[in-house]
PDB file of all heavy atoms in Angstrom:
ATOM      1  N   GLU A   1     124.321 176.941 157.116  1.00  0.00           N
ATOM      2  CA  GLU A   1     125.390 176.694 158.064  1.00  0.00           C
ATOM      3  C   GLU A   1     126.740 176.628 157.333  1.00  0.00           C
ATOM      4  O   GLU A   1     127.741 177.184 157.835  1.00  0.00           O
ATOM      5  CB  GLU A   1     125.168 175.394 158.851  1.00  0.00           C
ATOM      6  CG  GLU A   1     126.166 175.198 159.963  1.00  0.00           C
ATOM      7  CD  GLU A   1     125.783 174.057 160.853  1.00  0.00           C
ATOM      8  OE1 GLU A   1     124.864 173.260 160.524  1.00  0.00           O
ATOM      9  OE2 GLU A   1     126.406 173.948 161.951  1.00  0.00           O
ATOM     10  N   LEU A   2     126.776 175.999 156.153  1.00  0.00           N
ATOM     11  CA  LEU A   2     128.022 175.935 155.380  1.00  0.00           C
ATOM     12  C   LEU A   2     128.418 177.351 154.937  1.00  0.00           C
ATOM     13  O   LEU A   2     129.596 177.722 154.981  1.00  0.00           O
ATOM     14  CB  LEU A   2     127.839 175.022 154.196  1.00  0.00           C
ATOM     15  CG  LEU A   2     127.541 173.561 154.504  1.00  0.00           C
ATOM     16  CD1 LEU A   2     127.413 172.769 153.178  1.00  0.00           C
ATOM     17  CD2 LEU A   2     128.622 172.938 155.429  1.00  0.00           C
ATOM     18  N   VAL A   3     127.469 178.092 154.487  1.00  0.00           N
ATOM     19  CA  VAL A   3     127.746 179.483 153.988  1.00  0.00           C
ATOM     20  C   VAL A   3     128.277 180.352 155.139  1.00  0.00           C
ATOM     21  O   VAL A   3     129.215 181.107 154.923  1.00  0.00           O
ATOM     22  CB  VAL A   3     126.429 180.087 153.414  1.00  0.00           C
ATOM     23  CG1 VAL A   3     126.644 181.603 153.119  1.00  0.00           C
ATOM     24  CG2 VAL A   3     126.085 179.368 152.093  1.00  0.00           C
ATOM     25  N   THR A   4     127.670 180.233 156.307  1.00  0.00           N
ATOM     26  CA  THR A   4     128.084 180.994 157.442  1.00  0.00           C
ATOM     27  C   THR A   4     129.518 180.737 157.831  1.00  0.00           C
ATOM     28  O   THR A   4     130.308 181.629 158.163  1.00  0.00           O
ATOM     29  CB  THR A   4     127.166 180.781 158.635  1.00  0.00           C
ATOM     30  OG1 THR A   4     125.827 181.121 158.258  1.00  0.00           O
ATOM     31  CG2 THR A   4     127.554 181.646 159.821  1.00  0.00           C
ATOM     32  N   ILE A   5     129.925 179.451 157.819  1.00  0.00           N
ATOM     33  CA  ILE A   5     131.279 179.074 158.122  1.00  0.00           C
ATOM     34  C   ILE A   5     132.236 179.641 157.065  1.00  0.00           C
ATOM     35  O   ILE A   5     133.240 180.264 157.373  1.00  0.00           O
ATOM     36  CB  ILE A   5     131.436 177.553 158.165  1.00  0.00           C
ATOM     37  CG1 ILE A   5     130.613 176.986 159.328  1.00  0.00           C
ATOM     38  CG2 ILE A   5     132.907 177.137 158.316  1.00  0.00           C
ATOM     39  CD1 ILE A   5     130.523 175.453 159.324  1.00  0.00           C
ATOM     40  N   ALA A   6     131.908 179.459 155.788  1.00  0.00           N
ATOM     41  CA  ALA A   6     132.773 179.904 154.708  1.00  0.00           C
ATOM     42  C   ALA A   6     132.964 181.403 154.709  1.00  0.00           C
ATOM     43  O   ALA A   6     134.001 181.925 154.291  1.00  0.00           O
ATOM     44  CB  ALA A   6     132.215 179.431 153.351  1.00  0.00           C
ATOM     45  N   GLU A   7     131.922 182.117 155.155  1.00  0.00           N
ATOM     46  CA  GLU A   7     131.990 183.586 155.165  1.00  0.00           C
ATOM     47  C   GLU A   7     133.118 184.107 156.061  1.00  0.00           C
ATOM     48  O   GLU A   7     133.628 185.200 155.844  1.00  0.00           O
ATOM     49  CB  GLU A   7     130.626 184.115 155.640  1.00  0.00           C
ATOM     50  CG  GLU A   7     130.449 185.614 155.512  1.00  0.00           C
ATOM     51  CD  GLU A   7     129.076 186.061 155.973  1.00  0.00           C
ATOM     52  OE1 GLU A   7     128.329 185.228 156.543  1.00  0.00           O
ATOM     53  OE2 GLU A   7     128.721 187.235 155.713  1.00  0.00           O
ATOM     54  N   HIS A   8     133.542 183.290 157.016  1.00  0.00           N
ATOM     55  CA  HIS A   8     134.566 183.734 157.934  1.00  0.00           C
ATOM     56  C   HIS A   8     135.967 183.286 157.481  1.00  0.00           C
ATOM     57  O   HIS A   8     136.927 183.472 158.262  1.00  0.00           O
ATOM     58  CB  HIS A   8     134.278 183.216 159.326  1.00  0.00           C
ATOM     59  CG  HIS A   8     133.051 183.871 159.968  1.00  0.00           C
ATOM     60  ND1 HIS A   8     131.794 183.313 159.795  1.00  0.00           N
ATOM     61  CD2 HIS A   8     132.897 184.961 160.711  1.00  0.00           C
ATOM     62  CE1 HIS A   8     130.913 184.111 160.401  1.00  0.00           C
ATOM     63  NE2 HIS A   8     131.560 185.054 160.970  1.00  0.00           N
ATOM     64  N   ALA A   9     136.084 182.693 156.331  1.00  0.00           N
ATOM     65  CA  ALA A   9     137.394 182.277 155.846  1.00  0.00           C
ATOM     66  C   ALA A   9     138.312 183.473 155.596  1.00  0.00           C
ATOM     67  O   ALA A   9     137.830 184.519 155.136  1.00  0.00           O
ATOM     68  CB  ALA A   9     137.243 181.470 154.574  1.00  0.00           C
ATOM     69  N   PRO A  10     139.596 183.356 155.903  1.00  0.00           N
ATOM     70  CA  PRO A  10     140.519 184.473 155.624  1.00  0.00           C
ATOM     71  C   PRO A  10     140.607 184.671 154.109  1.00  0.00           C
ATOM     72  O   PRO A  10     140.684 183.729 153.346  1.00  0.00           O
ATOM     73  CB  PRO A  10     141.861 183.972 156.219  1.00  0.00           C
ATOM     74  CG  PRO A  10     141.715 182.500 156.302  1.00  0.00           C
ATOM     75  CD  PRO A  10     140.264 182.216 156.554  1.00  0.00           C
ATOM     76  N   SER A  11     140.615 185.929 153.717  1.00  0.00           N
ATOM     77  CA  SER A  11     140.554 186.196 152.267  1.00  0.00           C
ATOM     78  C   SER A  11     141.793 186.756 151.622  1.00  0.00           C
ATOM     79  O   SER A  11     141.918 186.878 150.388  1.00  0.00           O
ATOM     80  CB  SER A  11     139.370 187.196 152.003  1.00  0.00           C
ATOM     81  OG  SER A  11     139.510 188.338 152.809  1.00  0.00           O
ATOM     82  N   GLY A  12     142.787 187.142 152.447  1.00  0.00           N
ATOM     83  CA  GLY A  12     144.043 187.614 151.901  1.00  0.00           C
ATOM     84  C   GLY A  12     143.957 189.020 151.317  1.00  0.00           C
ATOM     85  O   GLY A  12     142.910 189.680 151.420  1.00  0.00           O
ATOM     86  N   ALA A  13     145.066 189.475 150.751  1.00  0.00           N
ATOM     87  CA  ALA A  13     145.106 190.818 150.183  1.00  0.00           C
ATOM     88  C   ALA A  13     145.658 190.808 148.721  1.00  0.00           C
ATOM     89  O   ALA A  13     146.266 189.856 148.330  1.00  0.00           O
ATOM     90  CB  ALA A  13     146.012 191.711 151.064  1.00  0.00           C
ATOM     91  N   ASN A  14     145.332 191.840 148.023  1.00  0.00           N
ATOM     92  CA  ASN A  14     145.804 192.017 146.647  1.00  0.00           C
ATOM     93  C   ASN A  14     146.381 193.408 146.456  1.00  0.00           C
ATOM     94  O   ASN A  14     146.043 194.325 147.185  1.00  0.00           O
ATOM     95  CB  ASN A  14     144.622 191.895 145.640  1.00  0.00           C
ATOM     96  CG  ASN A  14     144.515 190.489 145.055  1.00  0.00           C
ATOM     97  OD1 ASN A  14     144.970 189.571 145.638  1.00  0.00           O
ATOM     98  ND2 ASN A  14     143.885 190.385 143.910  1.00  0.00           N
ATOM     99  N   SER A  15     147.275 193.526 145.478  1.00  0.00           N
ATOM    100  CA  SER A  15     147.741 194.867 145.133  1.00  0.00           C
ATOM    101  C   SER A  15     146.813 195.499 144.148  1.00  0.00           C
ATOM    102  O   SER A  15     146.177 194.805 143.339  1.00  0.00           O
ATOM    103  CB  SER A  15     149.145 194.767 144.535  1.00  0.00           C
ATOM    104  OG  SER A  15     149.106 194.187 143.250  1.00  0.00           O
ATOM    105  N   VAL A  16     146.674 196.787 144.205  1.00  0.00           N
ATOM    106  CA  VAL A  16     145.837 197.525 143.255  1.00  0.00           C
ATOM    107  C   VAL A  16     146.349 197.320 141.838  1.00  0.00           C
ATOM    108  O   VAL A  16     145.614 197.247 140.865  1.00  0.00           O
ATOM    109  CB  VAL A  16     145.719 199.024 143.617  1.00  0.00           C
ATOM    110  CG1 VAL A  16     144.943 199.791 142.588  1.00  0.00           C
ATOM    111  CG2 VAL A  16     145.139 199.182 145.013  1.00  0.00           C
ATOM    112  N   ALA A  17     147.686 197.209 141.702  1.00  0.00           N
ATOM    113  CA  ALA A  17     148.296 197.011 140.393  1.00  0.00           C
ATOM    114  C   ALA A  17     147.839 195.698 139.758  1.00  0.00           C
ATOM    115  O   ALA A  17     147.488 195.658 138.558  1.00  0.00           O
ATOM    116  CB  ALA A  17     149.830 197.012 140.506  1.00  0.00           C
ATOM    117  N   ASP A  18     147.766 194.615 140.538  1.00  0.00           N
ATOM    118  CA  ASP A  18     147.315 193.321 140.004  1.00  0.00           C
ATOM    119  C   ASP A  18     145.827 193.381 139.674  1.00  0.00           C
ATOM    120  O   ASP A  18     145.399 192.816 138.700  1.00  0.00           O
ATOM    121  CB  ASP A  18     147.567 192.198 141.041  1.00  0.00           C
ATOM    122  CG  ASP A  18     149.029 191.804 141.113  1.00  0.00           C
ATOM    123  OD1 ASP A  18     149.757 192.113 140.167  1.00  0.00           O
ATOM    124  OD2 ASP A  18     149.414 191.155 142.084  1.00  0.00           O
ATOM    125  N   ALA A  19     145.048 194.055 140.529  1.00  0.00           N
ATOM    126  CA  ALA A  19     143.614 194.084 140.301  1.00  0.00           C
ATOM    127  C   ALA A  19     143.180 194.857 139.102  1.00  0.00           C
ATOM    128  O   ALA A  19     142.229 194.509 138.406  1.00  0.00           O
ATOM    129  CB  ALA A  19     142.913 194.659 141.556  1.00  0.00           C
ATOM    130  N   THR A  20     143.957 195.912 138.789  1.00  0.00           N
ATOM    131  CA  THR A  20     143.558 196.798 137.669  1.00  0.00           C
ATOM    132  C   THR A  20     144.365 196.551 136.413  1.00  0.00           C
ATOM    133  O   THR A  20     143.997 197.017 135.360  1.00  0.00           O
ATOM    134  CB  THR A  20     143.751 198.264 138.064  1.00  0.00           C
ATOM    135  OG1 THR A  20     145.160 198.514 138.359  1.00  0.00           O
ATOM    136  CG2 THR A  20     142.919 198.628 139.302  1.00  0.00           C
ATOM    137  N   GLY A  21     145.503 195.858 136.517  1.00  0.00           N
ATOM    138  CA  GLY A  21     146.374 195.689 135.374  1.00  0.00           C
ATOM    139  C   GLY A  21     147.220 196.899 135.105  1.00  0.00           C
ATOM    140  O   GLY A  21     147.919 197.013 134.092  1.00  0.00           O
ATOM    141  N   ASN A  22     147.196 197.852 136.026  1.00  0.00           N
ATOM    142  CA  ASN A  22     147.977 199.086 135.905  1.00  0.00           C
ATOM    143  C   ASN A  22     149.223 198.977 136.779  1.00  0.00           C
ATOM    144  O   ASN A  22     149.128 199.053 138.003  1.00  0.00           O
ATOM    145  CB  ASN A  22     147.126 200.287 136.304  1.00  0.00           C
ATOM    146  CG  ASN A  22     147.926 201.608 136.254  1.00  0.00           C
ATOM    147  OD1 ASN A  22     149.073 201.638 135.787  1.00  0.00           O
ATOM    148  ND2 ASN A  22     147.304 202.692 136.745  1.00  0.00           N
ATOM    149  N   ALA A  23     150.353 198.737 136.179  1.00  0.00           N
ATOM    150  CA  ALA A  23     151.603 198.469 136.954  1.00  0.00           C
ATOM    151  C   ALA A  23     151.999 199.660 137.787  1.00  0.00           C
ATOM    152  O   ALA A  23     152.757 199.499 138.788  1.00  0.00           O
ATOM    153  CB  ALA A  23     152.722 198.107 135.981  1.00  0.00           C
ATOM    154  N   LYS A  24     151.509 200.840 137.478  1.00  0.00           N
ATOM    155  CA  LYS A  24     151.915 202.048 138.217  1.00  0.00           C
ATOM    156  C   LYS A  24     150.998 202.295 139.438  1.00  0.00           C
ATOM    157  O   LYS A  24     151.291 203.161 140.281  1.00  0.00           O
ATOM    158  CB  LYS A  24     151.845 203.258 137.303  1.00  0.00           C
ATOM    159  CG  LYS A  24     152.880 203.190 136.175  1.00  0.00           C
ATOM    160  CD  LYS A  24     152.821 204.444 135.274  1.00  0.00           C
ATOM    161  CE  LYS A  24     153.815 204.395 134.165  1.00  0.00           C
ATOM    162  NZ  LYS A  24     153.760 205.616 133.307  1.00  0.00           N
ATOM    163  N   ALA A  25     149.903 201.556 139.510  1.00  0.00           N
ATOM    164  CA  ALA A  25     148.984 201.762 140.623  1.00  0.00           C
ATOM    165  C   ALA A  25     149.619 201.351 141.952  1.00  0.00           C
ATOM    166  O   ALA A  25     150.331 200.386 142.032  1.00  0.00           O
ATOM    167  CB  ALA A  25     147.674 200.991 140.394  1.00  0.00           C
ATOM    168  N   LYS A  26     149.377 202.121 142.985  1.00  0.00           N
ATOM    169  CA  LYS A  26     149.953 201.885 144.305  1.00  0.00           C
ATOM    170  C   LYS A  26     148.932 201.353 145.286  1.00  0.00           C
ATOM    171  O   LYS A  26     147.737 201.517 145.101  1.00  0.00           O
ATOM    172  CB  LYS A  26     150.527 203.200 144.846  1.00  0.00           C
ATOM    173  CG  LYS A  26     151.573 203.850 143.939  1.00  0.00           C
ATOM    174  CD  LYS A  26     152.803 203.013 143.711  1.00  0.00           C
ATOM    175  CE  LYS A  26     153.805 203.755 142.831  1.00  0.00           C
ATOM    176  NZ  LYS A  26     155.012 202.888 142.542  1.00  0.00           N
ATOM    177  N   GLY A  27     149.425 200.698 146.312  1.00  0.00           N
ATOM    178  CA  GLY A  27     148.573 200.285 147.398  1.00  0.00           C
ATOM    179  C   GLY A  27     148.057 198.861 147.300  1.00  0.00           C
ATOM    180  O   GLY A  27     148.255 198.161 146.291  1.00  0.00           O
ATOM    181  N   THR A  28     147.425 198.422 148.407  1.00  0.00           N
ATOM    182  CA  THR A  28     146.843 197.104 148.462  1.00  0.00           C
ATOM    183  C   THR A  28     145.432 197.246 148.998  1.00  0.00           C
ATOM    184  O   THR A  28     145.024 198.281 149.535  1.00  0.00           O
ATOM    185  CB  THR A  28     147.647 196.172 149.369  1.00  0.00           C
ATOM    186  OG1 THR A  28     147.656 196.720 150.673  1.00  0.00           O
ATOM    187  CG2 THR A  28     149.041 195.971 148.827  1.00  0.00           C
ATOM    188  N   PHE A  29     144.659 196.150 148.929  1.00  0.00           N
ATOM    189  CA  PHE A  29     143.343 196.113 149.502  1.00  0.00           C
ATOM    190  C   PHE A  29     143.072 194.693 149.940  1.00  0.00           C
ATOM    191  O   PHE A  29     143.645 193.740 149.422  1.00  0.00           O
ATOM    192  CB  PHE A  29     142.282 196.590 148.511  1.00  0.00           C
ATOM    193  CG  PHE A  29     142.162 195.712 147.276  1.00  0.00           C
ATOM    194  CD1 PHE A  29     141.262 194.683 147.250  1.00  0.00           C
ATOM    195  CD2 PHE A  29     142.934 195.933 146.172  1.00  0.00           C
ATOM    196  CE1 PHE A  29     141.135 193.854 146.144  1.00  0.00           C
ATOM    197  CE2 PHE A  29     142.866 195.122 145.039  1.00  0.00           C
ATOM    198  CZ  PHE A  29     141.951 194.098 145.026  1.00  0.00           C
ATOM    199  N   ASN A  30     142.155 194.552 150.904  1.00  0.00           N
ATOM    200  CA  ASN A  30     141.757 193.183 151.390  1.00  0.00           C
ATOM    201  C   ASN A  30     140.663 192.643 150.517  1.00  0.00           C
ATOM    202  O   ASN A  30     139.709 193.319 150.152  1.00  0.00           O
ATOM    203  CB  ASN A  30     141.277 193.302 152.834  1.00  0.00           C
ATOM    204  CG  ASN A  30     142.412 193.638 153.793  1.00  0.00           C
ATOM    205  OD1 ASN A  30     143.581 193.248 153.591  1.00  0.00           O
ATOM    206  ND2 ASN A  30     142.098 194.409 154.817  1.00  0.00           N
ATOM    207  N   ASN A  31     140.815 191.366 150.160  1.00  0.00           N
ATOM    208  CA  ASN A  31     139.736 190.678 149.427  1.00  0.00           C
ATOM    209  C   ASN A  31     138.556 190.440 150.349  1.00  0.00           C
ATOM    210  O   ASN A  31     138.686 190.519 151.561  1.00  0.00           O
ATOM    211  CB  ASN A  31     140.268 189.355 148.881  1.00  0.00           C
ATOM    212  CG  ASN A  31     141.361 189.518 147.883  1.00  0.00           C
ATOM    213  OD1 ASN A  31     141.187 190.204 146.893  1.00  0.00           O
ATOM    214  ND2 ASN A  31     142.506 188.945 148.149  1.00  0.00           N
ATOM    215  N   LYS A  32     137.421 190.139 149.726  1.00  0.00           N
ATOM    216  CA  LYS A  32     136.172 189.911 150.538  1.00  0.00           C
ATOM    217  C   LYS A  32     135.602 188.570 150.133  1.00  0.00           C
ATOM    218  O   LYS A  32     135.586 188.195 148.938  1.00  0.00           O
ATOM    219  CB  LYS A  32     135.187 191.016 150.326  1.00  0.00           C
ATOM    220  CG  LYS A  32     135.595 192.346 150.917  1.00  0.00           C
ATOM    221  CD  LYS A  32     134.523 193.394 150.687  1.00  0.00           C
ATOM    222  CE  LYS A  32     134.832 194.724 151.415  1.00  0.00           C
ATOM    223  NZ  LYS A  32     136.049 195.330 150.867  1.00  0.00           N
ATOM    224  N   VAL A  33     135.049 187.847 151.103  1.00  0.00           N
ATOM    225  CA  VAL A  33     134.219 186.697 150.826  1.00  0.00           C
ATOM    226  C   VAL A  33     132.787 187.210 150.834  1.00  0.00           C
ATOM    227  O   VAL A  33     132.288 187.705 151.867  1.00  0.00           O
ATOM    228  CB  VAL A  33     134.373 185.581 151.892  1.00  0.00           C
ATOM    229  CG1 VAL A  33     133.422 184.450 151.628  1.00  0.00           C
ATOM    230  CG2 VAL A  33     135.814 185.081 151.899  1.00  0.00           C
ATOM    231  N   VAL A  34     132.122 187.172 149.711  1.00  0.00           N
ATOM    232  CA  VAL A  34     130.778 187.713 149.566  1.00  0.00           C
ATOM    233  C   VAL A  34     129.757 186.608 149.501  1.00  0.00           C
ATOM    234  O   VAL A  34     129.910 185.681 148.693  1.00  0.00           O
ATOM    235  CB  VAL A  34     130.660 188.586 148.283  1.00  0.00           C
ATOM    236  CG1 VAL A  34     129.239 189.065 148.078  1.00  0.00           C
ATOM    237  CG2 VAL A  34     131.625 189.767 148.368  1.00  0.00           C
ATOM    238  N   VAL A  35     128.758 186.647 150.311  1.00  0.00           N
ATOM    239  CA  VAL A  35     127.635 185.666 150.264  1.00  0.00           C
ATOM    240  C   VAL A  35     126.620 186.277 149.285  1.00  0.00           C
ATOM    241  O   VAL A  35     125.977 187.263 149.591  1.00  0.00           O
ATOM    242  CB  VAL A  35     127.021 185.455 151.659  1.00  0.00           C
ATOM    243  CG1 VAL A  35     125.853 184.495 151.514  1.00  0.00           C
ATOM    244  CG2 VAL A  35     128.047 184.894 152.619  1.00  0.00           C
ATOM    245  N   GLY A  36     126.522 185.702 148.122  1.00  0.00           N
ATOM    246  CA  GLY A  36     125.625 186.217 147.125  1.00  0.00           C
ATOM    247  C   GLY A  36     124.991 185.108 146.319  1.00  0.00           C
ATOM    248  O   GLY A  36     124.781 184.003 146.826  1.00  0.00           O
TER     249      GLY A  36
END
């Protein structure tokens, strides 16, 4: 039950530049809450 609730938490977005460390990378993507 706790996992199911947490799975629906808003996850926000990241820039591809921040995720890869490549300052020239363009675009953004949505983060994911993964039940694993």
